[in-house]
Amino acid sequence: MLPAYEMDVGTEPLAGPARNSVGGWPFLDEGQPWPECFCGERLALFFQLDLPPDLGPFGGAHLLVFHCRAHNDATDAQMTADGRLVPRYWDAPQPPYPAPFWRVLLQRRATLPTAEPEPSVRALPLTLRPFADTPGENGLGAQRFKVGGAPSWAQEPEYYQCACGTDLVYLCQVPEGMEFAVHPGQPEQPYSIGADTYGLFLSNEVYLLACPAHCDPAAVWPVNQN
């Protein structure tokens, strides 16, 4: 099990780029464009952070989580006959949609922020705090906004094998019902809890499972449960 860090969202809006943030200025690898949804709209940056160096194969990488504000649904894993996720599963169809409405990136050369910030989600500081995420008798970790530790599966645990053949590893959790504040006047997100907030994947519990082999910066699968 990886060391655990709780993520605390601050209340004072950011005035400039920060590598650990909700919203804000994405730090993307050189040549990596701002991801877009299949609908052609630029995806909203929900949060980003530098992963602490003690997080095993993910230590030192920069995690970014994007999601469409116009499309809000649960994920649908597309599998091969031998039980792996399909090649380039991060681009695979998500019925009834022709492609995903999100993008999760693990990048290692994200040195500079974009010129413009995320326009919808309010830019707030994100602080990491180590804590002891000791699994209970049921083997579940704390239900928190966190990286590392043990997932607090709402249903049965889910395990996936990357298209490259490597078993995906649990990395991050977003608790059920977590909402992200947006700037006034933004379009309302379908199925969001409030008109002034956006949610990830219908505000389900979200578990990010990532490829420890880093076969692609987008080789991360977001599991949704409730």
Protein backbone atom coordinates (compact mmCIF):
# COMPACT_ATOMS: atom_id res chain seq x y z
CA MET A 1 0.00 0.00 0.00
CA LEU A 2 1.27 3.47 -0.89
CA PRO A 3 1.69 6.15 1.81
CA ALA A 4 -1.45 8.26 2.25
CA TYR A 5 -1.96 12.01 1.91
CA GLU A 6 -5.22 13.82 2.55
CA MET A 7 -5.91 16.74 0.22
CA ASP A 8 -7.36 19.90 1.76
CA VAL A 9 -8.97 22.52 -0.49
CA GLY A 10 -8.33 26.09 0.62
CA THR A 11 -10.83 28.92 0.57
CA GLU A 12 -8.69 31.86 -0.56
CA PRO A 13 -8.73 32.11 -4.40
CA LEU A 14 -5.37 31.75 -6.14
CA ALA A 15 -3.99 34.88 -7.78
CA GLY A 16 -1.52 32.98 -9.94
CA PRO A 17 -0.31 29.51 -10.96
CA ALA A 18 0.19 26.83 -8.31
CA ARG A 19 1.20 23.24 -9.00
CA ASN A 20 -1.20 21.93 -6.36
CA SER A 21 -4.62 23.41 -7.07
CA VAL A 22 -8.29 22.96 -7.69
CA GLY A 23 -8.89 24.66 -11.04
CA GLY A 24 -6.13 27.13 -11.80
CA TRP A 25 -3.40 27.04 -14.43
CA PRO A 26 -2.68 23.49 -15.70
CA PHE A 27 0.96 22.42 -15.67
CA LEU A 28 1.23 20.31 -18.84
CA ASP A 29 4.17 18.56 -20.49
CA GLU A 30 5.68 20.43 -23.41
CA GLY A 31 3.65 19.60 -26.49
CA GLN A 32 0.63 18.40 -24.49
CA PRO A 33 -2.39 20.47 -25.53
CA TRP A 34 -5.20 21.29 -23.16
CA PRO A 35 -7.42 18.17 -23.45
CA GLU A 36 -10.77 18.41 -25.23
CA CYS A 37 -13.99 16.42 -24.98
CA PHE A 38 -15.37 14.53 -27.96
CA CYS A 39 -17.92 17.37 -28.21
CA GLY A 40 -15.10 19.77 -29.07
CA GLU A 41 -15.27 21.71 -25.81
CA ARG A 42 -12.09 22.15 -23.81
CA LEU A 43 -12.22 19.99 -20.68
CA ALA A 44 -12.39 21.71 -17.31
CA LEU A 45 -9.43 21.24 -14.99
CA PHE A 46 -10.85 19.97 -11.69
CA PHE A 47 -7.58 19.51 -9.80
CA GLN A 48 -3.85 18.93 -10.19
CA LEU A 49 -0.97 18.11 -7.86
CA ASP A 50 2.65 17.05 -7.66
CA LEU A 51 2.70 13.50 -6.29
CA PRO A 52 5.01 13.12 -3.26
CA PRO A 53 8.27 11.26 -3.98
CA ASP A 54 7.41 8.39 -1.63
CA LEU A 55 4.41 7.29 -3.74
CA GLY A 56 6.29 4.42 -5.32
CA PRO A 57 6.24 4.36 -9.15
CA PHE A 58 4.14 7.53 -9.22
CA GLY A 59 6.34 9.67 -7.00
CA GLY A 60 7.41 12.92 -8.64
CA ALA A 61 4.78 12.81 -11.39
CA HIS A 62 2.21 15.56 -11.88
CA LEU A 63 -1.42 14.40 -11.77
CA LEU A 64 -4.12 16.37 -13.61
CA VAL A 65 -7.84 15.52 -13.66
CA PHE A 66 -10.02 17.02 -16.40
CA HIS A 67 -13.75 16.47 -17.01
CA CYS A 68 -16.30 17.94 -19.40
CA ARG A 69 -18.79 20.40 -17.94
CA ALA A 70 -21.34 19.60 -20.66
CA HIS A 71 -21.17 15.79 -20.32
CA ASN A 72 -21.49 14.19 -16.91
CA ASP A 73 -21.85 10.41 -16.65
CA ALA A 74 -20.26 7.28 -15.21
CA THR A 75 -17.39 5.41 -16.85
CA ASP A 76 -17.80 2.17 -18.81
CA ALA A 77 -14.69 -0.04 -18.99
CA GLN A 78 -14.09 -1.51 -22.45
CA MET A 79 -12.33 -4.89 -22.18
CA THR A 80 -10.56 -7.29 -24.52
CA ALA A 81 -11.37 -11.00 -24.69
CA ASP A 82 -8.38 -11.79 -22.45
CA GLY A 83 -9.53 -9.42 -19.71
CA ARG A 84 -7.35 -6.39 -20.33
CA LEU A 85 -8.55 -2.87 -20.89
CA VAL A 86 -8.67 -2.24 -24.63
CA PRO A 87 -5.70 -0.54 -26.34
CA ARG A 88 -5.78 3.21 -25.75
CA TYR A 89 -8.68 2.77 -23.34
CA TRP A 90 -8.37 6.44 -22.42
CA ASP A 91 -9.69 7.19 -25.94
CA ALA A 92 -12.12 4.24 -26.24
CA PRO A 93 -15.87 4.81 -26.82
CA GLN A 94 -18.02 5.37 -23.75
CA PRO A 95 -21.51 4.30 -24.86
CA PRO A 96 -23.60 6.17 -25.78
CA TYR A 97 -20.72 8.56 -26.40
CA PRO A 98 -18.11 8.04 -29.13
CA ALA A 99 -15.20 8.82 -26.79
CA PRO A 100 -14.48 9.76 -23.16
CA PHE A 101 -15.63 13.04 -21.62
CA TRP A 102 -12.63 13.21 -19.28
CA ARG A 103 -8.86 12.98 -19.30
CA VAL A 104 -6.55 12.03 -16.42
CA LEU A 105 -2.86 12.64 -16.99
CA LEU A 106 0.30 11.57 -15.15
CA GLN A 107 3.10 13.71 -16.55
CA ARG A 108 6.78 13.94 -15.69
CA ARG A 109 7.92 17.03 -17.61
CA ALA A 110 5.21 19.47 -16.58
CA THR A 111 7.39 22.49 -15.83
CA LEU A 112 5.38 25.49 -17.01
CA PRO A 113 1.76 26.56 -16.46
CA THR A 114 -0.61 27.47 -19.26
CA ALA A 115 -0.93 31.16 -20.09
CA GLU A 116 -4.60 31.22 -19.11
CA PRO A 117 -6.29 29.60 -16.12
CA GLU A 118 -9.20 27.18 -16.09
CA PRO A 119 -12.20 29.47 -16.80
CA SER A 120 -14.98 27.52 -15.05
CA VAL A 121 -13.71 25.89 -11.85
CA ARG A 122 -12.61 28.37 -9.21
CA ALA A 123 -8.83 28.38 -8.62
CA LEU A 124 -8.17 27.31 -5.03
CA PRO A 125 -5.04 26.02 -3.27
CA LEU A 126 -4.67 22.30 -2.62
CA THR A 127 -2.60 21.19 0.37
CA LEU A 128 -1.36 17.65 0.99
CA ARG A 129 -1.17 16.34 4.54
CA PRO A 130 0.21 12.87 5.38
CA PHE A 131 -2.02 10.67 7.52
CA ALA A 132 -2.23 7.04 8.63
CA ASP A 133 -4.82 5.45 6.35
CA THR A 134 -5.03 2.18 8.27
CA PRO A 135 -7.54 -0.20 6.67
CA GLY A 136 -10.29 -1.43 8.98
CA GLU A 137 -11.40 -5.01 9.50
CA ASN A 138 -13.15 -4.84 6.14
CA GLY A 139 -9.89 -3.83 4.45
CA LEU A 140 -11.21 -0.39 3.48
CA GLY A 141 -9.39 2.89 3.87
CA ALA A 142 -10.75 6.29 4.86
CA GLN A 143 -13.41 7.90 2.70
CA ARG A 144 -11.50 11.10 2.00
CA PHE A 145 -10.12 13.24 -0.81
CA LYS A 146 -6.70 11.63 -0.86
CA VAL A 147 -3.78 10.17 -2.77
CA GLY A 148 -2.25 6.86 -1.76
CA GLY A 149 -3.46 4.77 1.13
CA ALA A 150 -6.26 2.24 0.67
CA PRO A 151 -9.45 2.81 -1.31
CA SER A 152 -12.75 2.88 0.60
CA TRP A 153 -14.64 0.83 -1.97
CA ALA A 154 -18.36 1.66 -1.88
CA GLN A 155 -19.07 -1.64 -3.65
CA GLU A 156 -16.90 -4.65 -4.47
CA PRO A 157 -13.23 -3.85 -5.19
CA GLU A 158 -12.41 -3.48 -8.87
CA TYR A 159 -9.12 -4.48 -10.46
CA TYR A 160 -7.96 -3.84 -14.02
CA GLN A 161 -5.05 -4.76 -16.24
CA CYS A 162 -3.67 -2.07 -18.49
CA ALA A 163 -3.56 -2.69 -22.22
CA CYS A 164 0.23 -2.93 -21.83
CA GLY A 165 -0.21 -5.97 -19.54
CA THR A 166 0.61 -4.22 -16.26
CA ASP A 167 -1.84 -4.36 -13.36
CA LEU A 168 -3.24 -0.93 -12.57
CA VAL A 169 -2.55 0.40 -9.07
CA TYR A 170 -4.90 2.48 -6.93
CA LEU A 171 -3.55 6.04 -6.69
CA CYS A 172 -6.20 8.59 -5.75
CA GLN A 173 -9.75 8.88 -4.41
CA VAL A 174 -12.43 11.57 -4.70
CA PRO A 175 -15.24 10.99 -2.17
CA GLU A 176 -18.86 10.65 -3.21
CA GLY A 177 -20.75 13.93 -3.37
CA MET A 178 -17.66 16.14 -3.59
CA GLU A 179 -18.46 19.30 -5.53
CA PHE A 180 -16.08 21.84 -7.06
CA ALA A 181 -17.04 25.52 -6.90
CA VAL A 182 -17.36 27.37 -10.21
CA HIS A 183 -17.28 31.04 -11.15
CA PRO A 184 -20.61 32.86 -11.29
CA GLY A 185 -22.36 32.82 -14.64
CA GLN A 186 -20.95 29.48 -15.83
CA PRO A 187 -23.27 27.03 -17.64
CA GLU A 188 -24.92 24.59 -15.26
CA GLN A 189 -23.46 21.07 -15.43
CA PRO A 190 -26.01 18.31 -16.13
CA TYR A 191 -26.85 16.23 -13.04
CA SER A 192 -24.70 18.38 -10.79
CA ILE A 193 -25.88 18.82 -7.21
CA GLY A 194 -25.89 22.62 -7.37
CA ALA A 195 -26.03 25.32 -10.02
CA ASP A 196 -22.80 26.85 -8.68
CA THR A 197 -20.76 23.63 -8.51
CA TYR A 198 -19.50 20.88 -10.83
CA GLY A 199 -18.96 17.21 -9.99
CA LEU A 200 -16.86 14.38 -11.37
CA PHE A 201 -18.65 11.37 -12.91
CA LEU A 202 -22.12 12.17 -11.49
CA SER A 203 -20.46 12.92 -8.14
CA ASN A 204 -19.89 9.21 -7.58
CA GLU A 205 -17.03 7.93 -5.47
CA VAL A 206 -14.06 8.03 -7.87
CA TYR A 207 -10.97 5.82 -7.62
CA LEU A 208 -8.09 6.54 -10.00
CA LEU A 209 -6.17 3.39 -10.97
CA ALA A 210 -2.93 4.16 -12.80
CA CYS A 211 -0.39 2.18 -14.80
CA PRO A 212 2.85 1.92 -12.76
CA ALA A 213 4.76 1.26 -16.00
CA HIS A 214 3.79 4.73 -17.29
CA CYS A 215 3.06 3.27 -20.73
CA ASP A 216 1.23 6.51 -21.59
CA PRO A 217 0.57 9.72 -19.62
CA ALA A 218 -3.17 9.02 -20.00
CA ALA A 219 -2.97 5.39 -18.79
CA VAL A 220 -5.28 5.98 -15.82
CA TRP A 221 -8.72 4.41 -15.35
CA PRO A 222 -11.33 6.24 -13.22
CA VAL A 223 -13.54 3.71 -11.40
CA ASN A 224 -16.96 5.05 -10.29
CA GLN A 225 -19.01 3.56 -7.45
CA ASN A 226 -21.82 4.65 -5.12
